[in-house]
Amino acid sequence: MAKQQTFADKASKLSKKSGSIIIDPESGKETKLLNVKLVESTKTTKGTWKFLVRMQKVYESSLKPYEG
C-alpha cells in the first residue's frame, strides 16, 4: 500500500514548483506566497452541515489573498 501524502508534503511541493517570491502590493516588499487550506462550513436546508474545502494562495507578510 502506498504512503499517504500529508498536507505539509503537498504544500511544500507546491511552493517548490512555482516561483513563489513576488512583491506584495501593500507593503512593496518581496514576500513569499503561501498555500492555505480554507474550510467553510454552511448549514443546509435539511439541518446538516456541509464543508467546502479549497486551497488559496496568500501573501506571507500580510496574509491577504493573492489575486493572480
N, C-alpha and C. Protein backbone atom coordinates (compact mmCIF):
# COMPACT_ATOMS: atom_id res chain seq x y z
N MET A 1 0.84 -1.17 0.00
CA MET A 1 0.00 0.00 0.00
C MET A 1 0.89 1.25 0.00
N ALA A 2 0.52 2.25 -0.75
CA ALA A 2 1.32 3.45 -0.88
C ALA A 2 1.21 4.34 0.36
N LYS A 3 2.26 5.11 0.60
CA LYS A 3 2.27 6.02 1.74
C LYS A 3 1.30 7.18 1.48
N GLN A 4 0.52 7.55 2.48
CA GLN A 4 -0.39 8.68 2.36
C GLN A 4 0.41 9.98 2.38
N GLN A 5 0.05 10.89 1.51
CA GLN A 5 0.74 12.17 1.43
C GLN A 5 0.07 13.16 2.40
N THR A 6 0.87 13.79 3.26
CA THR A 6 0.31 14.72 4.23
C THR A 6 0.10 16.09 3.59
N PHE A 7 -0.66 16.93 4.28
CA PHE A 7 -0.90 18.28 3.79
C PHE A 7 0.40 19.08 3.72
N ALA A 8 1.28 18.88 4.69
CA ALA A 8 2.56 19.59 4.69
C ALA A 8 3.39 19.18 3.47
N ASP A 9 3.36 17.91 3.10
CA ASP A 9 4.08 17.45 1.91
C ASP A 9 3.53 18.12 0.65
N LYS A 10 2.20 18.20 0.55
CA LYS A 10 1.58 18.82 -0.62
C LYS A 10 1.94 20.30 -0.69
N ALA A 11 1.87 20.99 0.44
CA ALA A 11 2.15 22.43 0.45
C ALA A 11 3.60 22.72 0.09
N SER A 12 4.53 21.92 0.60
CA SER A 12 5.94 22.15 0.29
C SER A 12 6.23 21.85 -1.17
N LYS A 13 5.56 20.85 -1.72
CA LYS A 13 5.76 20.51 -3.13
C LYS A 13 5.23 21.62 -4.03
N LEU A 14 4.08 22.20 -3.67
CA LEU A 14 3.52 23.29 -4.46
C LEU A 14 4.39 24.53 -4.41
N SER A 15 4.98 24.82 -3.26
CA SER A 15 5.82 26.01 -3.16
C SER A 15 7.12 25.85 -3.92
N LYS A 16 7.62 24.63 -4.03
CA LYS A 16 8.85 24.39 -4.78
C LYS A 16 8.60 24.49 -6.29
N LYS A 17 7.40 24.13 -6.74
CA LYS A 17 7.09 24.14 -8.16
C LYS A 17 7.08 25.54 -8.74
N SER A 18 6.39 26.45 -8.08
CA SER A 18 6.21 27.78 -8.66
C SER A 18 7.26 28.75 -8.12
N GLY A 19 7.54 29.78 -8.90
CA GLY A 19 8.40 30.86 -8.42
C GLY A 19 7.58 31.69 -7.46
N SER A 20 7.63 31.37 -6.19
CA SER A 20 6.67 31.93 -5.26
C SER A 20 7.16 33.18 -4.54
N ILE A 21 8.24 33.81 -4.98
CA ILE A 21 8.67 35.05 -4.37
C ILE A 21 8.24 36.20 -5.28
N ILE A 22 7.35 37.05 -4.77
CA ILE A 22 6.82 38.16 -5.54
C ILE A 22 6.78 39.41 -4.66
N ILE A 23 6.34 40.52 -5.21
CA ILE A 23 6.26 41.77 -4.47
C ILE A 23 4.83 41.95 -3.97
N ASP A 24 4.70 42.18 -2.67
CA ASP A 24 3.41 42.43 -2.04
C ASP A 24 2.96 43.84 -2.41
N PRO A 25 1.77 44.01 -3.00
CA PRO A 25 1.34 45.35 -3.43
C PRO A 25 1.10 46.32 -2.27
N GLU A 26 0.76 45.82 -1.09
CA GLU A 26 0.50 46.70 0.05
C GLU A 26 1.79 47.26 0.65
N SER A 27 2.76 46.38 0.89
CA SER A 27 3.99 46.81 1.55
C SER A 27 5.09 47.19 0.55
N GLY A 28 5.03 46.68 -0.67
CA GLY A 28 6.05 46.96 -1.66
C GLY A 28 7.32 46.15 -1.48
N LYS A 29 7.31 45.18 -0.56
CA LYS A 29 8.48 44.35 -0.29
C LYS A 29 8.31 42.98 -0.93
N GLU A 30 9.45 42.30 -1.13
CA GLU A 30 9.40 40.93 -1.64
C GLU A 30 8.87 40.01 -0.55
N THR A 31 8.00 39.12 -0.92
CA THR A 31 7.43 38.17 0.02
C THR A 31 7.13 36.86 -0.69
N LYS A 32 6.92 35.83 0.08
CA LYS A 32 6.58 34.53 -0.47
C LYS A 32 5.07 34.37 -0.54
N LEU A 33 4.65 33.46 -1.39
CA LEU A 33 3.24 33.07 -1.43
C LEU A 33 3.09 31.79 -0.63
N LEU A 34 2.09 31.73 0.20
CA LEU A 34 1.80 30.54 0.98
C LEU A 34 0.52 29.91 0.46
N ASN A 35 0.49 28.59 0.43
CA ASN A 35 -0.73 27.87 0.10
C ASN A 35 -1.47 27.56 1.40
N VAL A 36 -2.71 28.02 1.47
CA VAL A 36 -3.50 27.87 2.68
C VAL A 36 -4.74 27.06 2.35
N LYS A 37 -5.12 26.18 3.25
CA LYS A 37 -6.32 25.38 3.08
C LYS A 37 -7.46 26.06 3.83
N LEU A 38 -8.48 26.48 3.10
CA LEU A 38 -9.64 27.15 3.69
C LEU A 38 -10.80 26.17 3.78
N VAL A 39 -11.43 26.12 4.94
CA VAL A 39 -12.59 25.26 5.14
C VAL A 39 -13.76 26.15 5.55
N GLU A 40 -14.83 26.13 4.76
CA GLU A 40 -16.01 26.95 5.03
C GLU A 40 -17.17 26.01 5.34
N SER A 41 -17.86 26.27 6.43
CA SER A 41 -18.98 25.42 6.81
C SER A 41 -20.29 26.18 6.61
N THR A 42 -21.27 25.48 6.04
CA THR A 42 -22.60 26.05 5.85
C THR A 42 -23.64 25.04 6.28
N LYS A 43 -24.75 25.54 6.77
CA LYS A 43 -25.84 24.67 7.19
C LYS A 43 -26.81 24.51 6.03
N THR A 44 -27.17 23.28 5.71
CA THR A 44 -28.08 23.02 4.60
C THR A 44 -29.52 23.18 5.06
N THR A 45 -30.43 23.09 4.11
CA THR A 45 -31.85 23.23 4.44
C THR A 45 -32.36 22.06 5.27
N LYS A 46 -31.70 20.92 5.18
CA LYS A 46 -32.09 19.74 5.97
C LYS A 46 -31.60 19.82 7.40
N GLY A 47 -30.72 20.77 7.69
CA GLY A 47 -30.19 20.92 9.04
C GLY A 47 -28.83 20.29 9.25
N THR A 48 -28.26 19.72 8.21
CA THR A 48 -26.92 19.13 8.33
C THR A 48 -25.88 20.17 7.93
N TRP A 49 -24.63 19.89 8.25
CA TRP A 49 -23.54 20.81 7.93
C TRP A 49 -22.81 20.33 6.69
N LYS A 50 -22.44 21.25 5.84
CA LYS A 50 -21.70 20.96 4.62
C LYS A 50 -20.39 21.74 4.68
N PHE A 51 -19.29 21.10 4.31
CA PHE A 51 -17.98 21.72 4.37
C PHE A 51 -17.41 21.87 2.97
N LEU A 52 -16.99 23.09 2.65
CA LEU A 52 -16.36 23.39 1.38
C LEU A 52 -14.88 23.61 1.65
N VAL A 53 -14.05 22.74 1.08
CA VAL A 53 -12.60 22.80 1.29
C VAL A 53 -11.95 23.28 0.01
N ARG A 54 -11.10 24.32 0.12
CA ARG A 54 -10.40 24.83 -1.06
C ARG A 54 -9.02 25.33 -0.67
N MET A 55 -8.14 25.37 -1.65
CA MET A 55 -6.77 25.87 -1.47
C MET A 55 -6.71 27.28 -2.04
N GLN A 56 -5.99 28.16 -1.35
CA GLN A 56 -5.83 29.53 -1.83
C GLN A 56 -4.43 30.01 -1.50
N LYS A 57 -3.87 30.84 -2.39
CA LYS A 57 -2.55 31.43 -2.15
C LYS A 57 -2.74 32.77 -1.45
N VAL A 58 -1.88 33.02 -0.45
CA VAL A 58 -1.89 34.28 0.28
C VAL A 58 -0.46 34.80 0.40
N TYR A 59 -0.33 36.13 0.60
CA TYR A 59 0.98 36.72 0.83
C TYR A 59 1.42 36.38 2.25
N GLU A 60 2.70 36.01 2.41
CA GLU A 60 3.21 35.63 3.72
C GLU A 60 3.25 36.82 4.67
N SER A 61 3.57 38.01 4.18
CA SER A 61 3.73 39.16 5.06
C SER A 61 2.40 39.70 5.57
N SER A 62 1.38 39.75 4.72
CA SER A 62 0.12 40.37 5.14
C SER A 62 -1.04 39.37 5.25
N LEU A 63 -0.87 38.15 4.77
CA LEU A 63 -1.90 37.11 4.76
C LEU A 63 -3.16 37.54 3.99
N LYS A 64 -2.99 38.43 3.04
CA LYS A 64 -4.09 38.83 2.15
C LYS A 64 -4.13 37.86 0.99
N PRO A 65 -5.32 37.58 0.43
CA PRO A 65 -5.42 36.66 -0.72
C PRO A 65 -4.65 37.17 -1.92
N TYR A 66 -4.03 36.24 -2.63
CA TYR A 66 -3.28 36.55 -3.84
C TYR A 66 -4.25 36.58 -5.02
N GLU A 67 -4.28 37.67 -5.73
CA GLU A 67 -5.14 37.82 -6.90
C GLU A 67 -4.27 37.66 -8.14
N GLY A 68 -4.22 36.48 -8.68
CA GLY A 68 -3.35 36.33 -9.83
C GLY A 68 -3.58 35.12 -10.55
